[in-house]
Amino acid sequence: CFAVRMPSSRPTFVSSQVVRHELGELQGFYDALRNQGLEPETELLEFSAVAGASDPQRPAALALPVRLRRRYLLQGKPFAVVEAYLPAGAGELGPERAARLTVYEILGSFLELPVARADMVVRCQRVRADVAAPLGLRRSDSVLVMERQSTTAGGMVCEFMRIHIVPERYEFHVSSAGPL
């Protein structure tokens, strides 16, 4: 197994608990936190039925026009900014309902698009200006970035998400079995 921990000069959490995200399980970001006994607060920063269509941050090949941005807080401190790009039908939710539902609840319950697979990439990068401000970071700081693309059993891409995470106290974990 491996873990990614990025040091930073700015402590973010009072608690010494490390938040571990199991990459070998299909779960949403919110659920990964709740499964560890954490109660993240979420703030809807943006909900737009059309902004994703022209967003240069969205992979161009994906027809996912709905853009949803949330800020997560743990212990009252900014922890992550999530950008999700969803199918056009999600635009009918409106911001009030979108604020209450997780992305996987929107896909499974509202759009009836159950997720069968998710492919993820994790990297460290300098924080973008539009992410630094809601996280209370400087532009010279780095964040962990997890990108996730979810598909239905039929192979339809139903979601692309980019999560910018303040790196102190967060690690990704995966376990691999089999002979070398």
C-alpha atoms as a PDB file:
ATOM      1  CA  CYS A   1       0.000   0.000   0.000  1.00  0.00           C
ATOM      2  CA  PHE A   2       1.046   3.622  -0.338  1.00  0.00           C
ATOM      3  CA  ALA A   3       0.144   6.922   1.217  1.00  0.00           C
ATOM      4  CA  VAL A   4       0.672  10.429  -0.053  1.00  0.00           C
ATOM      5  CA  ARG A   5       1.398  13.091   2.575  1.00  0.00           C
ATOM      6  CA  MET A   6       2.443  16.575   1.633  1.00  0.00           C
ATOM      7  CA  PRO A   7       4.101  18.784   4.272  1.00  0.00           C
ATOM      8  CA  SER A   8       3.090  22.404   4.597  1.00  0.00           C
ATOM      9  CA  SER A   9       4.194  25.336   6.665  1.00  0.00           C
ATOM     10  CA  ARG A  10       0.598  26.191   7.616  1.00  0.00           C
ATOM     11  CA  PRO A  11      -1.191  23.781   9.954  1.00  0.00           C
ATOM     12  CA  THR A  12      -4.875  23.544   9.212  1.00  0.00           C
ATOM     13  CA  PHE A  13      -6.345  21.188  11.803  1.00  0.00           C
ATOM     14  CA  VAL A  14      -6.443  21.171  15.590  1.00  0.00           C
ATOM     15  CA  SER A  15      -6.911  17.405  15.634  1.00  0.00           C
ATOM     16  CA  SER A  16      -4.043  15.053  14.904  1.00  0.00           C
ATOM     17  CA  GLN A  17      -6.329  12.600  13.101  1.00  0.00           C
ATOM     18  CA  VAL A  18      -5.230  11.783   9.565  1.00  0.00           C
ATOM     19  CA  VAL A  19      -8.090  11.612   7.077  1.00  0.00           C
ATOM     20  CA  ARG A  20      -7.615   8.547   4.896  1.00  0.00           C
ATOM     21  CA  HIS A  21      -9.320   8.164   1.548  1.00  0.00           C
ATOM     22  CA  GLU A  22      -9.505   4.546   0.409  1.00  0.00           C
ATOM     23  CA  LEU A  23      -8.999   4.533  -3.349  1.00  0.00           C
ATOM     24  CA  GLY A  24      -9.838   0.842  -3.684  1.00  0.00           C
ATOM     25  CA  GLU A  25     -13.505   1.473  -2.821  1.00  0.00           C
ATOM     26  CA  LEU A  26     -16.088   3.238  -4.969  1.00  0.00           C
ATOM     27  CA  GLN A  27     -17.293   6.028  -2.703  1.00  0.00           C
ATOM     28  CA  GLY A  28     -17.939   9.719  -2.868  1.00  0.00           C
ATOM     29  CA  PHE A  29     -15.687  12.301  -1.212  1.00  0.00           C
ATOM     30  CA  TYR A  30     -18.343  13.241   1.380  1.00  0.00           C
ATOM     31  CA  ASP A  31     -18.962   9.577   2.193  1.00  0.00           C
ATOM     32  CA  ALA A  32     -15.230   8.918   2.563  1.00  0.00           C
ATOM     33  CA  LEU A  33     -15.142  11.571   5.285  1.00  0.00           C
ATOM     34  CA  ARG A  34     -18.350  10.409   7.023  1.00  0.00           C
ATOM     35  CA  ASN A  35     -17.146   6.783   7.041  1.00  0.00           C
ATOM     36  CA  GLN A  36     -14.333   7.937   9.342  1.00  0.00           C
ATOM     37  CA  GLY A  37     -16.715   9.540  11.816  1.00  0.00           C
ATOM     38  CA  LEU A  38     -16.139  13.060  10.489  1.00  0.00           C
ATOM     39  CA  GLU A  39     -18.981  15.489   9.871  1.00  0.00           C
ATOM     40  CA  PRO A  40     -17.849  17.797   7.083  1.00  0.00           C
ATOM     41  CA  GLU A  41     -19.657  21.074   6.562  1.00  0.00           C
ATOM     42  CA  THR A  42     -20.320  21.983   2.948  1.00  0.00           C
ATOM     43  CA  GLU A  43     -20.946  25.352   1.347  1.00  0.00           C
ATOM     44  CA  LEU A  44     -22.288  25.629  -2.171  1.00  0.00           C
ATOM     45  CA  LEU A  45     -20.042  28.139  -3.947  1.00  0.00           C
ATOM     46  CA  GLU A  46     -21.701  27.811  -7.364  1.00  0.00           C
ATOM     47  CA  PHE A  47     -24.396  25.908  -9.193  1.00  0.00           C
ATOM     48  CA  SER A  48     -24.798  26.592 -12.906  1.00  0.00           C
ATOM     49  CA  ALA A  49     -26.735  24.617 -15.485  1.00  0.00           C
ATOM     50  CA  VAL A  50     -24.538  25.904 -18.326  1.00  0.00           C
ATOM     51  CA  ALA A  51     -21.165  27.145 -17.010  1.00  0.00           C
ATOM     52  CA  GLY A  52     -19.483  23.758 -17.418  1.00  0.00           C
ATOM     53  CA  ALA A  53     -20.025  23.800 -21.179  1.00  0.00           C
ATOM     54  CA  SER A  54     -17.535  26.629 -21.686  1.00  0.00           C
ATOM     55  CA  ASP A  55     -15.258  26.002 -18.688  1.00  0.00           C
ATOM     56  CA  PRO A  56     -11.629  25.498 -19.812  1.00  0.00           C
ATOM     57  CA  GLN A  57     -11.015  23.442 -16.643  1.00  0.00           C
ATOM     58  CA  ARG A  58     -13.440  20.724 -17.853  1.00  0.00           C
ATOM     59  CA  PRO A  59     -11.971  18.078 -20.157  1.00  0.00           C
ATOM     60  CA  ALA A  60     -13.077  19.184 -23.631  1.00  0.00           C
ATOM     61  CA  ALA A  61     -14.250  15.753 -24.767  1.00  0.00           C
ATOM     62  CA  LEU A  62     -16.892  15.490 -22.021  1.00  0.00           C
ATOM     63  CA  ALA A  63     -20.399  16.842 -22.613  1.00  0.00           C
ATOM     64  CA  LEU A  64     -21.093  17.773 -18.982  1.00  0.00           C
ATOM     65  CA  PRO A  65     -22.517  21.330 -18.936  1.00  0.00           C
ATOM     66  CA  VAL A  66     -23.622  21.552 -15.281  1.00  0.00           C
ATOM     67  CA  ARG A  67     -20.941  22.908 -12.945  1.00  0.00           C
ATOM     68  CA  LEU A  68     -21.180  22.612  -9.204  1.00  0.00           C
ATOM     69  CA  ARG A  69     -18.535  24.006  -6.813  1.00  0.00           C
ATOM     70  CA  ARG A  70     -18.477  23.305  -3.087  1.00  0.00           C
ATOM     71  CA  ARG A  71     -16.206  24.136  -0.207  1.00  0.00           C
ATOM     72  CA  TYR A  72     -15.737  21.541   2.505  1.00  0.00           C
ATOM     73  CA  LEU A  73     -14.838  22.455   6.063  1.00  0.00           C
ATOM     74  CA  LEU A  74     -13.643  20.221   8.883  1.00  0.00           C
ATOM     75  CA  GLN A  75     -13.646  21.586  12.407  1.00  0.00           C
ATOM     76  CA  GLY A  76     -14.707  24.927  10.937  1.00  0.00           C
ATOM     77  CA  LYS A  77     -11.604  25.248   8.750  1.00  0.00           C
ATOM     78  CA  PRO A  78     -11.510  25.084   4.927  1.00  0.00           C
ATOM     79  CA  PHE A  79     -10.422  21.649   3.819  1.00  0.00           C
ATOM     80  CA  ALA A  80     -11.294  21.153   0.152  1.00  0.00           C
ATOM     81  CA  VAL A  81     -12.892  22.736  -2.911  1.00  0.00           C
ATOM     82  CA  VAL A  82     -14.801  20.367  -5.151  1.00  0.00           C
ATOM     83  CA  GLU A  83     -15.640  21.093  -8.789  1.00  0.00           C
ATOM     84  CA  ALA A  84     -18.108  18.678 -10.344  1.00  0.00           C
ATOM     85  CA  TYR A  85     -19.273  18.581 -13.963  1.00  0.00           C
ATOM     86  CA  LEU A  86     -22.559  16.767 -14.524  1.00  0.00           C
ATOM     87  CA  PRO A  87     -25.020  15.909 -17.332  1.00  0.00           C
ATOM     88  CA  ALA A  88     -27.534  18.527 -18.499  1.00  0.00           C
ATOM     89  CA  GLY A  89     -30.403  16.940 -16.555  1.00  0.00           C
ATOM     90  CA  ALA A  90     -28.739  17.883 -13.265  1.00  0.00           C
ATOM     91  CA  GLY A  91     -29.418  21.533 -14.113  1.00  0.00           C
ATOM     92  CA  GLU A  92     -33.071  20.979 -13.172  1.00  0.00           C
ATOM     93  CA  LEU A  93     -32.066  20.489  -9.522  1.00  0.00           C
ATOM     94  CA  GLY A  94     -31.561  24.158  -8.784  1.00  0.00           C
ATOM     95  CA  PRO A  95     -29.056  25.412  -6.204  1.00  0.00           C
ATOM     96  CA  GLU A  96     -31.148  24.655  -3.080  1.00  0.00           C
ATOM     97  CA  ARG A  97     -31.469  20.942  -3.837  1.00  0.00           C
ATOM     98  CA  ALA A  98     -27.936  20.708  -5.221  1.00  0.00           C
ATOM     99  CA  ALA A  99     -26.618  22.091  -1.922  1.00  0.00           C
ATOM    100  CA  ARG A 100     -28.218  19.206   0.011  1.00  0.00           C
ATOM    101  CA  LEU A 101     -27.268  16.267  -2.237  1.00  0.00           C
ATOM    102  CA  THR A 102     -23.893  14.628  -2.797  1.00  0.00           C
ATOM    103  CA  VAL A 103     -22.767  14.229  -6.393  1.00  0.00           C
ATOM    104  CA  TYR A 104     -23.375  10.485  -6.293  1.00  0.00           C
ATOM    105  CA  GLU A 105     -26.893  11.111  -4.879  1.00  0.00           C
ATOM    106  CA  ILE A 106     -27.562  13.501  -7.769  1.00  0.00           C
ATOM    107  CA  LEU A 107     -26.411  10.877 -10.262  1.00  0.00           C
ATOM    108  CA  GLY A 108     -28.078   7.841  -8.667  1.00  0.00           C
ATOM    109  CA  SER A 109     -31.304   9.206  -7.178  1.00  0.00           C
ATOM    110  CA  PHE A 110     -32.118  12.317  -9.206  1.00  0.00           C
ATOM    111  CA  LEU A 111     -30.777  11.350 -12.649  1.00  0.00           C
ATOM    112  CA  GLU A 112     -31.092   7.573 -12.202  1.00  0.00           C
ATOM    113  CA  LEU A 113     -27.542   7.083 -13.490  1.00  0.00           C
ATOM    114  CA  PRO A 114     -25.959   4.623 -11.076  1.00  0.00           C
ATOM    115  CA  VAL A 115     -22.183   4.786 -11.093  1.00  0.00           C
ATOM    116  CA  ALA A 116     -20.501   1.479 -11.923  1.00  0.00           C
ATOM    117  CA  ARG A 117     -16.897   2.627 -12.204  1.00  0.00           C
ATOM    118  CA  ALA A 118     -14.675   5.552 -11.292  1.00  0.00           C
ATOM    119  CA  ASP A 119     -11.182   6.257 -12.546  1.00  0.00           C
ATOM    120  CA  MET A 120      -9.048   8.542 -10.386  1.00  0.00           C
ATOM    121  CA  VAL A 121      -5.780  10.412 -10.693  1.00  0.00           C
ATOM    122  CA  VAL A 122      -4.032  12.082  -7.744  1.00  0.00           C
ATOM    123  CA  ARG A 123      -1.294  14.699  -7.986  1.00  0.00           C
ATOM    124  CA  CYS A 124       0.172  17.645  -6.151  1.00  0.00           C
ATOM    125  CA  GLN A 125       0.128  21.060  -7.837  1.00  0.00           C
ATOM    126  CA  ARG A 126       0.219  24.779  -7.115  1.00  0.00           C
ATOM    127  CA  VAL A 127      -3.175  26.038  -6.066  1.00  0.00           C
ATOM    128  CA  ARG A 128      -5.164  27.941  -8.696  1.00  0.00           C
ATOM    129  CA  ALA A 129      -6.247  31.497  -7.800  1.00  0.00           C
ATOM    130  CA  ASP A 130      -9.964  30.596  -7.829  1.00  0.00           C
ATOM    131  CA  VAL A 131      -9.282  27.778  -5.346  1.00  0.00           C
ATOM    132  CA  ALA A 132      -6.726  29.544  -3.130  1.00  0.00           C
ATOM    133  CA  ALA A 133      -9.173  32.170  -1.860  1.00  0.00           C
ATOM    134  CA  PRO A 134     -11.918  29.803  -0.586  1.00  0.00           C
ATOM    135  CA  LEU A 135      -9.262  27.594   1.021  1.00  0.00           C
ATOM    136  CA  GLY A 136      -7.448  30.513   2.634  1.00  0.00           C
ATOM    137  CA  LEU A 137      -4.192  29.599   0.889  1.00  0.00           C
ATOM    138  CA  ARG A 138      -1.479  31.654  -0.774  1.00  0.00           C
ATOM    139  CA  ARG A 139      -0.906  31.228  -4.532  1.00  0.00           C
ATOM    140  CA  SER A 140       2.518  29.769  -3.736  1.00  0.00           C
ATOM    141  CA  ASP A 141       0.930  26.924  -1.723  1.00  0.00           C
ATOM    142  CA  SER A 142       0.332  23.456  -3.106  1.00  0.00           C
ATOM    143  CA  VAL A 143      -2.764  21.296  -2.903  1.00  0.00           C
ATOM    144  CA  LEU A 144      -3.510  17.656  -3.492  1.00  0.00           C
ATOM    145  CA  VAL A 145      -5.725  17.295  -6.545  1.00  0.00           C
ATOM    146  CA  MET A 146      -7.854  14.220  -7.109  1.00  0.00           C
ATOM    147  CA  GLU A 147      -9.611  13.970 -10.466  1.00  0.00           C
ATOM    148  CA  ARG A 148     -12.369  11.414 -10.813  1.00  0.00           C
ATOM    149  CA  GLN A 149     -14.304  10.372 -13.890  1.00  0.00           C
ATOM    150  CA  SER A 150     -17.349   8.211 -13.204  1.00  0.00           C
ATOM    151  CA  THR A 151     -19.174   6.006 -15.703  1.00  0.00           C
ATOM    152  CA  THR A 152     -22.372   3.972 -15.759  1.00  0.00           C
ATOM    153  CA  ALA A 153     -22.456   0.219 -16.407  1.00  0.00           C
ATOM    154  CA  GLY A 154     -23.111   1.069 -20.073  1.00  0.00           C
ATOM    155  CA  GLY A 155     -19.894   3.089 -20.258  1.00  0.00           C
ATOM    156  CA  MET A 156     -21.477   6.559 -20.304  1.00  0.00           C
ATOM    157  CA  VAL A 157     -19.370   9.222 -18.583  1.00  0.00           C
ATOM    158  CA  CYS A 158     -21.795  10.746 -16.068  1.00  0.00           C
ATOM    159  CA  GLU A 159     -19.456  12.869 -13.967  1.00  0.00           C
ATOM    160  CA  PHE A 160     -16.061  14.515 -13.869  1.00  0.00           C
ATOM    161  CA  MET A 161     -14.878  15.852 -10.537  1.00  0.00           C
ATOM    162  CA  ARG A 162     -11.775  17.694  -9.418  1.00  0.00           C
ATOM    163  CA  ILE A 163     -11.133  17.923  -5.684  1.00  0.00           C
ATOM    164  CA  HIS A 164      -8.530  20.396  -4.398  1.00  0.00           C
ATOM    165  CA  ILE A 165      -7.476  19.301  -0.899  1.00  0.00           C
ATOM    166  CA  VAL A 166      -5.405  21.117   1.722  1.00  0.00           C
ATOM    167  CA  PRO A 167      -2.681  18.474   2.138  1.00  0.00           C
ATOM    168  CA  GLU A 168      -1.996  18.487   5.872  1.00  0.00           C
ATOM    169  CA  ARG A 169      -3.690  15.530   7.521  1.00  0.00           C
ATOM    170  CA  TYR A 170      -4.911  13.871   4.309  1.00  0.00           C
ATOM    171  CA  GLU A 171      -3.691  10.707   2.681  1.00  0.00           C
ATOM    172  CA  PHE A 172      -4.803   8.402  -0.082  1.00  0.00           C
ATOM    173  CA  HIS A 173      -4.567   4.654   0.420  1.00  0.00           C
ATOM    174  CA  VAL A 174      -4.816   1.724  -1.945  1.00  0.00           C
ATOM    175  CA  SER A 175      -4.027  -1.934  -1.382  1.00  0.00           C
ATOM    176  CA  SER A 176      -3.003  -4.245  -4.234  1.00  0.00           C
ATOM    177  CA  ALA A 177      -3.150  -8.014  -4.132  1.00  0.00           C
ATOM    178  CA  GLY A 178      -1.554 -10.652  -6.295  1.00  0.00           C
ATOM    179  CA  PRO A 179       1.871 -12.024  -7.132  1.00  0.00           C
ATOM    180  CA  LEU A 180       4.524  -9.785  -8.622  1.00  0.00           C
END
